[in-house]
Amino acid sequence: MSLASDKVVIGKIGASYGVKGWVKINSYTDVPEGIFDYSPWLLADGKEYQVDQWRPHGKALVAKLDGVDTRDDAERIKNLDIAIDAEQLPELDEGEFYWRELTGMQVVTTQGYELGTVTEVFNTGANDVLRIRAKGNDAFGQKERLVPFVFDSVVQTVNKVERVITVDWEPGF
């Protein structure tokens, strides 16, 4: 499965700001201003946009996009997701993963029991968690499992090539 041509959502266009086409920006990047490190933005209207200007506005961010010159233009792109090509993401160090890389991987225990397939990764504040859809014939009657993505104590290995995550986890839990 090639992830090279995938799109990654990094934010969302908010309400219009003023009458000259400025919009509020909801950033999903670790550092909110980091959203402006990526260009061009691919919006759900199928068009590419360049950021002409941006600035903080209180605790929020506002931006002026090329070609969005009026309040009506800004209203047309309101609530659209901001995506970029996955190729624009920085390379990670060994042992680091983007959540999107983990989605779809098979999860097996150190004893060889197949727990299922990762359908989602999310953060609880304490750690990341894998949501795993169990096989239809799961011996423990599980439909899904939530397994903490914590290296050494739970996650033993992540094989990107074979797309398998090995965990030290009790299948009945």
C-alpha atoms as a PDB file:
ATOM      1  CA  MET A   1       0.000   0.000   0.000  1.00  0.00           C
ATOM      2  CA  SER A   2       1.576   3.274  -1.115  1.00  0.00           C
ATOM      3  CA  LEU A   3       0.971   6.258   1.092  1.00  0.00           C
ATOM      4  CA  ALA A   4       3.093   8.629  -1.016  1.00  0.00           C
ATOM      5  CA  SER A   5       0.174  10.220  -2.902  1.00  0.00           C
ATOM      6  CA  ASP A   6      -2.133  10.443   0.099  1.00  0.00           C
ATOM      7  CA  LYS A   7      -3.526  13.702   1.369  1.00  0.00           C
ATOM      8  CA  VAL A   8      -3.202  14.627   5.036  1.00  0.00           C
ATOM      9  CA  VAL A   9      -5.685  16.975   6.713  1.00  0.00           C
ATOM     10  CA  ILE A  10      -3.795  19.542   8.796  1.00  0.00           C
ATOM     11  CA  GLY A  11      -6.564  21.998   9.619  1.00  0.00           C
ATOM     12  CA  LYS A  12      -9.865  23.557   8.706  1.00  0.00           C
ATOM     13  CA  ILE A  13     -10.998  26.913   7.354  1.00  0.00           C
ATOM     14  CA  GLY A  14     -13.126  28.757   9.889  1.00  0.00           C
ATOM     15  CA  ALA A  15     -15.417  31.754   9.640  1.00  0.00           C
ATOM     16  CA  SER A  16     -14.671  34.784   7.519  1.00  0.00           C
ATOM     17  CA  TYR A  17     -12.785  37.598   9.228  1.00  0.00           C
ATOM     18  CA  GLY A  18     -13.456  41.089   7.942  1.00  0.00           C
ATOM     19  CA  VAL A  19     -14.485  42.054   4.425  1.00  0.00           C
ATOM     20  CA  LYS A  20     -11.234  41.556   2.489  1.00  0.00           C
ATOM     21  CA  GLY A  21     -11.290  37.745   2.269  1.00  0.00           C
ATOM     22  CA  TRP A  22      -9.475  36.876   5.485  1.00  0.00           C
ATOM     23  CA  VAL A  23     -10.517  33.643   7.231  1.00  0.00           C
ATOM     24  CA  LYS A  24     -10.001  32.107  10.634  1.00  0.00           C
ATOM     25  CA  ILE A  25      -7.792  29.012  10.640  1.00  0.00           C
ATOM     26  CA  ASN A  26      -8.252  25.950  12.858  1.00  0.00           C
ATOM     27  CA  SER A  27      -4.852  24.250  12.919  1.00  0.00           C
ATOM     28  CA  TYR A  28      -4.352  20.561  13.742  1.00  0.00           C
ATOM     29  CA  THR A  29      -0.543  20.801  13.843  1.00  0.00           C
ATOM     30  CA  ASP A  30       1.350  20.388  17.133  1.00  0.00           C
ATOM     31  CA  VAL A  31       2.313  24.049  17.069  1.00  0.00           C
ATOM     32  CA  PRO A  32      -0.701  25.877  15.598  1.00  0.00           C
ATOM     33  CA  GLU A  33       1.441  28.297  13.558  1.00  0.00           C
ATOM     34  CA  GLY A  34       3.122  25.255  11.983  1.00  0.00           C
ATOM     35  CA  ILE A  35       0.219  24.961   9.544  1.00  0.00           C
ATOM     36  CA  PHE A  36       1.756  27.866   7.627  1.00  0.00           C
ATOM     37  CA  ASP A  37       4.951  25.867   7.013  1.00  0.00           C
ATOM     38  CA  TYR A  38       3.055  23.849   4.387  1.00  0.00           C
ATOM     39  CA  SER A  39       2.126  25.054   0.933  1.00  0.00           C
ATOM     40  CA  PRO A  40       0.072  24.778  -1.162  1.00  0.00           C
ATOM     41  CA  TRP A  41      -3.090  23.975   0.743  1.00  0.00           C
ATOM     42  CA  LEU A  42      -5.545  21.641  -0.943  1.00  0.00           C
ATOM     43  CA  LEU A  43      -9.101  22.484   0.038  1.00  0.00           C
ATOM     44  CA  ALA A  44     -12.138  20.252  -0.337  1.00  0.00           C
ATOM     45  CA  ASP A  45     -13.382  22.459  -3.195  1.00  0.00           C
ATOM     46  CA  GLY A  46     -10.666  20.765  -5.286  1.00  0.00           C
ATOM     47  CA  LYS A  47      -8.477  23.863  -5.608  1.00  0.00           C
ATOM     48  CA  GLU A  48      -4.968  24.666  -4.400  1.00  0.00           C
ATOM     49  CA  TYR A  49      -4.432  27.818  -2.360  1.00  0.00           C
ATOM     50  CA  GLN A  50      -1.322  29.730  -1.387  1.00  0.00           C
ATOM     51  CA  VAL A  51      -1.281  31.687   1.873  1.00  0.00           C
ATOM     52  CA  ASP A  52      -0.658  35.339   1.043  1.00  0.00           C
ATOM     53  CA  GLN A  53      -0.521  36.586   4.654  1.00  0.00           C
ATOM     54  CA  TRP A  54      -1.280  35.311   8.133  1.00  0.00           C
ATOM     55  CA  ARG A  55      -1.154  36.537  11.696  1.00  0.00           C
ATOM     56  CA  PRO A  56      -2.209  35.590  15.198  1.00  0.00           C
ATOM     57  CA  HIS A  57      -5.495  37.106  16.334  1.00  0.00           C
ATOM     58  CA  GLY A  58      -5.846  36.713  20.088  1.00  0.00           C
ATOM     59  CA  LYS A  59      -5.576  32.962  20.676  1.00  0.00           C
ATOM     60  CA  ALA A  60      -6.634  32.227  17.103  1.00  0.00           C
ATOM     61  CA  LEU A  61      -5.027  32.493  13.670  1.00  0.00           C
ATOM     62  CA  VAL A  62      -6.293  34.357  10.619  1.00  0.00           C
ATOM     63  CA  ALA A  63      -5.042  34.177   7.049  1.00  0.00           C
ATOM     64  CA  LYS A  64      -5.495  35.765   3.655  1.00  0.00           C
ATOM     65  CA  LEU A  65      -5.361  33.238   0.806  1.00  0.00           C
ATOM     66  CA  ASP A  66      -4.491  34.154  -2.784  1.00  0.00           C
ATOM     67  CA  GLY A  67      -7.686  34.433  -4.825  1.00  0.00           C
ATOM     68  CA  VAL A  68      -9.927  34.873  -1.790  1.00  0.00           C
ATOM     69  CA  ASP A  69     -10.508  38.615  -1.934  1.00  0.00           C
ATOM     70  CA  THR A  70     -13.981  39.275  -0.558  1.00  0.00           C
ATOM     71  CA  ARG A  71     -16.129  38.199   2.364  1.00  0.00           C
ATOM     72  CA  ASP A  72     -18.284  36.213  -0.097  1.00  0.00           C
ATOM     73  CA  ASP A  73     -15.161  34.363  -1.347  1.00  0.00           C
ATOM     74  CA  ALA A  74     -14.251  33.597   2.277  1.00  0.00           C
ATOM     75  CA  GLU A  75     -17.761  32.310   2.998  1.00  0.00           C
ATOM     76  CA  ARG A  76     -17.494  29.891   0.031  1.00  0.00           C
ATOM     77  CA  ILE A  77     -14.491  28.115   1.595  1.00  0.00           C
ATOM     78  CA  LYS A  78     -15.770  28.211   5.181  1.00  0.00           C
ATOM     79  CA  ASN A  79     -15.602  24.820   6.985  1.00  0.00           C
ATOM     80  CA  LEU A  80     -13.460  23.195   4.275  1.00  0.00           C
ATOM     81  CA  ASP A  81     -10.655  20.872   5.395  1.00  0.00           C
ATOM     82  CA  ILE A  82      -7.086  22.011   4.720  1.00  0.00           C
ATOM     83  CA  ALA A  83      -5.006  19.150   3.327  1.00  0.00           C
ATOM     84  CA  ILE A  84      -1.488  18.759   1.994  1.00  0.00           C
ATOM     85  CA  ASP A  85       0.305  16.044   0.035  1.00  0.00           C
ATOM     86  CA  ALA A  86       1.752  13.498   2.463  1.00  0.00           C
ATOM     87  CA  GLU A  87       5.099  13.919   0.689  1.00  0.00           C
ATOM     88  CA  GLN A  88       5.353  17.350   2.342  1.00  0.00           C
ATOM     89  CA  LEU A  89       5.520  15.828   5.824  1.00  0.00           C
ATOM     90  CA  PRO A  90       9.002  15.716   7.359  1.00  0.00           C
ATOM     91  CA  GLU A  91      10.905  12.445   7.497  1.00  0.00           C
ATOM     92  CA  LEU A  92      10.731  10.803  10.907  1.00  0.00           C
ATOM     93  CA  ASP A  93      13.535   9.257  12.912  1.00  0.00           C
ATOM     94  CA  GLU A  94      13.851   5.494  13.272  1.00  0.00           C
ATOM     95  CA  GLY A  95      11.151   4.191  15.605  1.00  0.00           C
ATOM     96  CA  GLU A  96       8.779   7.109  14.967  1.00  0.00           C
ATOM     97  CA  PHE A  97       5.531   6.757  13.051  1.00  0.00           C
ATOM     98  CA  TYR A  98       2.761   8.865  11.669  1.00  0.00           C
ATOM     99  CA  TRP A  99      -0.613   7.605  12.876  1.00  0.00           C
ATOM    100  CA  ARG A 100      -1.736   7.167   9.280  1.00  0.00           C
ATOM    101  CA  GLU A 101       1.083   4.644   8.763  1.00  0.00           C
ATOM    102  CA  LEU A 102      -0.233   2.476  11.606  1.00  0.00           C
ATOM    103  CA  THR A 103      -3.823   2.422  10.334  1.00  0.00           C
ATOM    104  CA  GLY A 104      -4.506  -0.826   8.472  1.00  0.00           C
ATOM    105  CA  MET A 105      -1.639  -2.735  10.087  1.00  0.00           C
ATOM    106  CA  GLN A 106      -2.239  -6.202  11.541  1.00  0.00           C
ATOM    107  CA  VAL A 107      -1.717  -6.597  15.286  1.00  0.00           C
ATOM    108  CA  VAL A 108      -0.450  -9.877  16.758  1.00  0.00           C
ATOM    109  CA  THR A 109       0.545 -10.814  20.285  1.00  0.00           C
ATOM    110  CA  THR A 110       4.002 -12.044  21.220  1.00  0.00           C
ATOM    111  CA  GLN A 111       2.377 -15.509  21.485  1.00  0.00           C
ATOM    112  CA  GLY A 112       1.190 -15.284  17.851  1.00  0.00           C
ATOM    113  CA  TYR A 113      -2.539 -14.580  18.432  1.00  0.00           C
ATOM    114  CA  GLU A 114      -3.976 -12.267  15.746  1.00  0.00           C
ATOM    115  CA  LEU A 115      -5.838  -9.452  17.508  1.00  0.00           C
ATOM    116  CA  GLY A 116      -7.057  -7.773  14.304  1.00  0.00           C
ATOM    117  CA  THR A 117      -6.490  -4.635  12.227  1.00  0.00           C
ATOM    118  CA  VAL A 118      -5.768  -1.069  13.390  1.00  0.00           C
ATOM    119  CA  THR A 119      -8.722   1.123  12.384  1.00  0.00           C
ATOM    120  CA  GLU A 120      -7.776   4.269  14.267  1.00  0.00           C
ATOM    121  CA  VAL A 121      -5.091   5.798  16.451  1.00  0.00           C
ATOM    122  CA  PHE A 122      -5.968   8.472  18.991  1.00  0.00           C
ATOM    123  CA  ASN A 123      -4.444  10.200  21.999  1.00  0.00           C
ATOM    124  CA  THR A 124      -5.856  10.019  25.512  1.00  0.00           C
ATOM    125  CA  GLY A 125      -3.493  12.575  27.012  1.00  0.00           C
ATOM    126  CA  ALA A 126      -1.483   9.865  28.747  1.00  0.00           C
ATOM    127  CA  ASN A 127      -0.518   7.967  25.583  1.00  0.00           C
ATOM    128  CA  ASP A 128      -1.603   7.035  22.085  1.00  0.00           C
ATOM    129  CA  VAL A 129      -4.107   4.189  21.726  1.00  0.00           C
ATOM    130  CA  LEU A 130      -4.685   1.714  18.880  1.00  0.00           C
ATOM    131  CA  ARG A 131      -8.320   0.921  18.080  1.00  0.00           C
ATOM    132  CA  ILE A 132      -8.218  -2.619  16.673  1.00  0.00           C
ATOM    133  CA  ARG A 133     -11.094  -4.265  14.790  1.00  0.00           C
ATOM    134  CA  ALA A 134     -11.055  -7.921  15.800  1.00  0.00           C
ATOM    135  CA  LYS A 135     -11.416 -10.747  13.297  1.00  0.00           C
ATOM    136  CA  GLY A 136     -14.985 -11.958  12.790  1.00  0.00           C
ATOM    137  CA  ASN A 137     -14.183 -15.308  14.393  1.00  0.00           C
ATOM    138  CA  ASP A 138     -12.335 -13.923  17.417  1.00  0.00           C
ATOM    139  CA  ALA A 139     -11.987 -16.714  19.985  1.00  0.00           C
ATOM    140  CA  PHE A 140     -12.636 -14.262  22.840  1.00  0.00           C
ATOM    141  CA  GLY A 141     -15.782 -12.755  21.297  1.00  0.00           C
ATOM    142  CA  GLN A 142     -14.210  -9.314  20.969  1.00  0.00           C
ATOM    143  CA  LYS A 143     -15.395  -6.944  18.233  1.00  0.00           C
ATOM    144  CA  GLU A 144     -12.742  -4.346  18.938  1.00  0.00           C
ATOM    145  CA  ARG A 145      -9.885  -3.745  21.326  1.00  0.00           C
ATOM    146  CA  LEU A 146      -8.199  -0.620  22.628  1.00  0.00           C
ATOM    147  CA  VAL A 147      -4.480  -1.198  23.122  1.00  0.00           C
ATOM    148  CA  PRO A 148      -2.066   1.469  24.404  1.00  0.00           C
ATOM    149  CA  PHE A 149       0.679   2.336  21.931  1.00  0.00           C
ATOM    150  CA  VAL A 150       3.480   2.293  24.504  1.00  0.00           C
ATOM    151  CA  PHE A 151       6.826   0.889  23.404  1.00  0.00           C
ATOM    152  CA  ASP A 152       8.580  -1.779  25.457  1.00  0.00           C
ATOM    153  CA  SER A 153       5.752  -2.385  27.935  1.00  0.00           C
ATOM    154  CA  VAL A 154       3.040  -3.117  25.309  1.00  0.00           C
ATOM    155  CA  VAL A 155       4.283  -2.547  21.752  1.00  0.00           C
ATOM    156  CA  GLN A 156       7.288  -4.742  21.047  1.00  0.00           C
ATOM    157  CA  THR A 157       7.879  -4.137  17.322  1.00  0.00           C
ATOM    158  CA  VAL A 158       6.391  -2.278  14.372  1.00  0.00           C
ATOM    159  CA  ASN A 159       7.301  -3.775  11.004  1.00  0.00           C
ATOM    160  CA  LYS A 160       6.472  -1.179   8.339  1.00  0.00           C
ATOM    161  CA  VAL A 161       7.395  -3.533   5.492  1.00  0.00           C
ATOM    162  CA  GLU A 162       5.179  -6.436   6.578  1.00  0.00           C
ATOM    163  CA  ARG A 163       2.662  -3.997   8.167  1.00  0.00           C
ATOM    164  CA  VAL A 164       2.548  -5.910  11.455  1.00  0.00           C
ATOM    165  CA  ILE A 165       2.588  -4.595  15.017  1.00  0.00           C
ATOM    166  CA  THR A 166       3.635  -7.094  17.700  1.00  0.00           C
ATOM    167  CA  VAL A 167       2.258  -6.430  21.183  1.00  0.00           C
ATOM    168  CA  ASP A 168       2.553  -7.992  24.626  1.00  0.00           C
ATOM    169  CA  TRP A 169      -1.177  -8.016  25.332  1.00  0.00           C
ATOM    170  CA  GLU A 170      -3.701 -10.472  26.724  1.00  0.00           C
ATOM    171  CA  PRO A 171      -6.165 -11.354  23.890  1.00  0.00           C
ATOM    172  CA  GLY A 172      -9.104 -11.682  26.269  1.00  0.00           C
ATOM    173  CA  PHE A 173      -8.694  -8.155  27.594  1.00  0.00           C
END
